[in-house]
Amino acid sequence: MELRESVLENIAGDLECHPRRGLIYLGLGAAALCYWILAPPRDKLMVVPLVFGLGSLALLLKGVFLFRKTSEGLGLTQVDLTRLSDPASRKALPSIPCLVAQVVQDFGAGGLLLGPALEVTKDVDKHWEPPIVPVFLVGLGLFLVGWLVRRLTSPASVPS
């Protein structure tokens, strides 16, 4: 499988409606946000609390996104639609290592994608220099670790 195909398959798998996984993401996102909220005021703008704050936004957004209904039922007959809503055909959660890797990857995406947006905060406080590069690098590191573990633990990469 080419890298491009694996990336597209990775993204397409994340676009499905999965309420149980959405609850996990919302819970972890809320916990990460609590870490940032409960950090002492002088530390809230340091690297680690900022990574937690930005990562929590990514997890909460993805958690809400996982509750979105997809077009799975469009064009199906009543029998197929009934079979689709059968409890036996519900999507199972991925394996624990795969789920943890995906959460780490999504958590890191917060710092990776939103870290450069800290540049805007310079307009609010001229004396504060936001740690853009460290937040970006931590986010990139977490994203790559999650991607690597997910790639190594995916069923397609396990030799049979």
Protein backbone atom coordinates (compact mmCIF):
# COMPACT_ATOMS: atom_id res chain seq x y z
CA MET A 1 0.00 0.00 0.00
CA GLU A 2 1.39 3.37 -0.97
CA LEU A 3 1.84 6.15 1.57
CA ARG A 4 -0.80 8.27 -0.16
CA GLU A 5 -3.34 5.43 -0.01
CA SER A 6 -2.60 4.75 3.65
CA VAL A 7 -3.02 8.45 4.53
CA LEU A 8 -6.33 8.63 2.67
CA GLU A 9 -7.52 5.42 4.34
CA ASN A 10 -6.42 6.80 7.72
CA ILE A 11 -8.40 10.01 7.21
CA ALA A 12 -11.45 8.28 5.74
CA GLY A 13 -11.62 5.93 8.73
CA ASP A 14 -11.69 8.92 11.05
CA LEU A 15 -14.66 10.48 9.27
CA GLU A 16 -17.17 7.83 10.35
CA CYS A 17 -19.82 8.36 12.99
CA HIS A 18 -18.69 6.59 16.14
CA PRO A 19 -20.51 7.81 19.29
CA ARG A 20 -18.60 5.64 21.78
CA ARG A 21 -15.29 6.90 20.48
CA GLY A 22 -16.74 10.41 20.53
CA LEU A 23 -17.46 10.04 24.25
CA ILE A 24 -13.86 8.97 24.87
CA TYR A 25 -12.59 12.00 22.96
CA LEU A 26 -14.91 14.40 24.80
CA GLY A 27 -13.87 12.99 28.17
CA LEU A 28 -10.16 13.19 27.41
CA GLY A 29 -10.56 16.64 25.88
CA ALA A 30 -12.38 17.87 28.98
CA ALA A 31 -9.65 16.40 31.22
CA ALA A 32 -6.91 18.11 29.20
CA LEU A 33 -8.83 21.38 29.28
CA CYS A 34 -9.16 21.06 33.08
CA TYR A 35 -5.37 20.71 33.31
CA TRP A 36 -4.96 24.02 31.49
CA ILE A 37 -7.74 25.76 33.45
CA LEU A 38 -6.43 24.59 36.82
CA ALA A 39 -2.81 25.47 36.06
CA PRO A 40 -1.47 28.38 38.14
CA PRO A 41 -1.99 31.70 36.33
CA ARG A 42 1.75 32.31 35.93
CA ASP A 43 2.17 28.90 34.24
CA LYS A 44 -0.82 28.96 31.86
CA LEU A 45 1.26 30.47 29.07
CA MET A 46 4.18 28.06 29.42
CA VAL A 47 4.78 25.30 26.87
CA VAL A 48 3.19 22.28 28.60
CA PRO A 49 -0.08 23.97 29.66
CA LEU A 50 -0.39 25.52 26.19
CA VAL A 51 0.07 22.10 24.57
CA PHE A 52 -2.63 20.71 26.87
CA GLY A 53 -4.95 23.62 26.11
CA LEU A 54 -4.51 23.37 22.35
CA GLY A 55 -4.64 19.57 22.42
CA SER A 56 -7.88 19.70 24.38
CA LEU A 57 -9.43 21.88 21.69
CA ALA A 58 -8.46 19.33 19.05
CA LEU A 59 -9.87 16.41 21.09
CA LEU A 60 -13.11 18.23 21.87
CA LEU A 61 -13.59 19.21 18.24
CA LYS A 62 -12.96 15.67 17.05
CA GLY A 63 -15.24 14.28 19.78
CA VAL A 64 -18.08 16.45 18.54
CA PHE A 65 -17.22 15.49 14.96
CA LEU A 66 -17.43 11.76 15.81
CA PHE A 67 -21.09 12.21 16.80
CA ARG A 68 -21.93 13.44 13.28
CA LYS A 69 -24.20 11.16 11.31
CA THR A 70 -22.75 10.03 8.02
CA SER A 71 -24.51 9.11 4.82
CA GLU A 72 -24.37 5.39 5.60
CA GLY A 73 -28.12 4.95 5.23
CA LEU A 74 -28.66 6.87 1.97
CA GLY A 75 -29.99 4.78 -0.89
CA LEU A 76 -30.64 1.67 1.18
CA THR A 77 -33.86 -0.30 1.19
CA GLN A 78 -35.82 -0.67 4.41
CA VAL A 79 -34.41 -4.18 4.96
CA ASP A 80 -30.81 -2.95 4.51
CA LEU A 81 -31.47 0.00 6.78
CA THR A 82 -32.85 -2.30 9.48
CA ARG A 83 -29.82 -4.56 9.11
CA LEU A 84 -27.53 -1.52 9.40
CA SER A 85 -29.13 -0.41 12.68
CA ASP A 86 -28.95 -3.94 14.14
CA PRO A 87 -26.85 -4.02 17.35
CA ALA A 88 -24.78 -6.87 15.91
CA SER A 89 -23.56 -4.63 13.08
CA ARG A 90 -22.38 -1.77 15.29
CA LYS A 91 -18.86 -0.58 14.83
CA ALA A 92 -16.47 -1.93 17.42
CA LEU A 93 -13.86 0.25 19.04
CA PRO A 94 -10.39 -0.20 17.58
CA SER A 95 -7.79 -2.06 19.60
CA ILE A 96 -6.49 -0.26 22.69
CA PRO A 97 -3.01 0.47 21.25
CA CYS A 98 -4.58 1.76 18.04
CA LEU A 99 -7.05 3.95 19.94
CA VAL A 100 -4.35 5.36 22.23
CA ALA A 101 -2.14 6.09 19.23
CA GLN A 102 -5.02 7.87 17.49
CA VAL A 103 -5.76 9.97 20.59
CA VAL A 104 -2.07 10.92 20.92
CA GLN A 105 -1.99 11.79 17.24
CA ASP A 106 -5.10 13.96 17.50
CA PHE A 107 -3.87 15.57 20.75
CA GLY A 108 -0.59 16.47 19.06
CA ALA A 109 -2.47 17.89 16.11
CA GLY A 110 -3.77 20.63 18.41
CA GLY A 111 -0.31 22.02 19.10
CA LEU A 112 0.82 21.32 15.57
CA LEU A 113 -2.04 23.18 13.89
CA LEU A 114 -2.96 25.78 16.51
CA GLY A 115 0.55 26.53 17.84
CA PRO A 116 1.39 28.96 15.03
CA ALA A 117 -1.87 30.79 15.79
CA LEU A 118 -0.26 31.94 19.07
CA GLU A 119 1.36 34.66 16.97
CA VAL A 120 -1.95 36.54 17.18
CA THR A 121 -1.59 36.80 20.98
CA LYS A 122 1.34 39.19 20.55
CA ASP A 123 -1.20 41.89 19.73
CA VAL A 124 -2.88 41.42 23.13
CA ASP A 125 0.28 41.64 25.24
CA LYS A 126 3.31 43.31 23.65
CA HIS A 127 5.62 42.11 26.44
CA TRP A 128 4.84 38.40 26.14
CA GLU A 129 6.74 36.33 23.63
CA PRO A 130 4.59 33.23 22.89
CA PRO A 131 6.48 29.92 22.75
CA ILE A 132 5.34 29.17 19.20
CA VAL A 133 8.25 26.97 18.12
CA PRO A 134 8.34 24.75 21.25
CA VAL A 135 4.55 24.25 21.17
CA PHE A 136 4.73 23.42 17.45
CA LEU A 137 7.61 20.97 17.98
CA VAL A 138 5.90 19.21 20.90
CA GLY A 139 2.72 18.94 18.81
CA LEU A 140 4.71 17.61 15.87
CA GLY A 141 6.47 15.08 18.09
CA LEU A 142 3.21 13.81 19.59
CA PHE A 143 1.59 13.65 16.17
CA LEU A 144 4.48 11.63 14.73
CA VAL A 145 4.62 9.26 17.72
CA GLY A 146 0.88 8.65 17.42
CA TRP A 147 1.15 8.14 13.68
CA LEU A 148 4.07 5.70 14.04
CA VAL A 149 2.42 3.64 16.78
CA ARG A 150 -0.86 3.61 14.88
CA ARG A 151 0.90 2.48 11.72
CA LEU A 152 2.77 -0.27 13.57
CA THR A 153 -0.33 -1.53 15.39
CA SER A 154 -2.79 -1.38 12.51
CA PRO A 155 -4.14 -4.76 11.38
CA ALA A 156 -2.76 -4.25 7.86
CA SER A 157 0.84 -3.92 9.14
CA VAL A 158 0.74 -7.02 11.35
CA PRO A 159 2.30 -9.95 9.44
CA SER A 160 0.10 -13.02 9.16
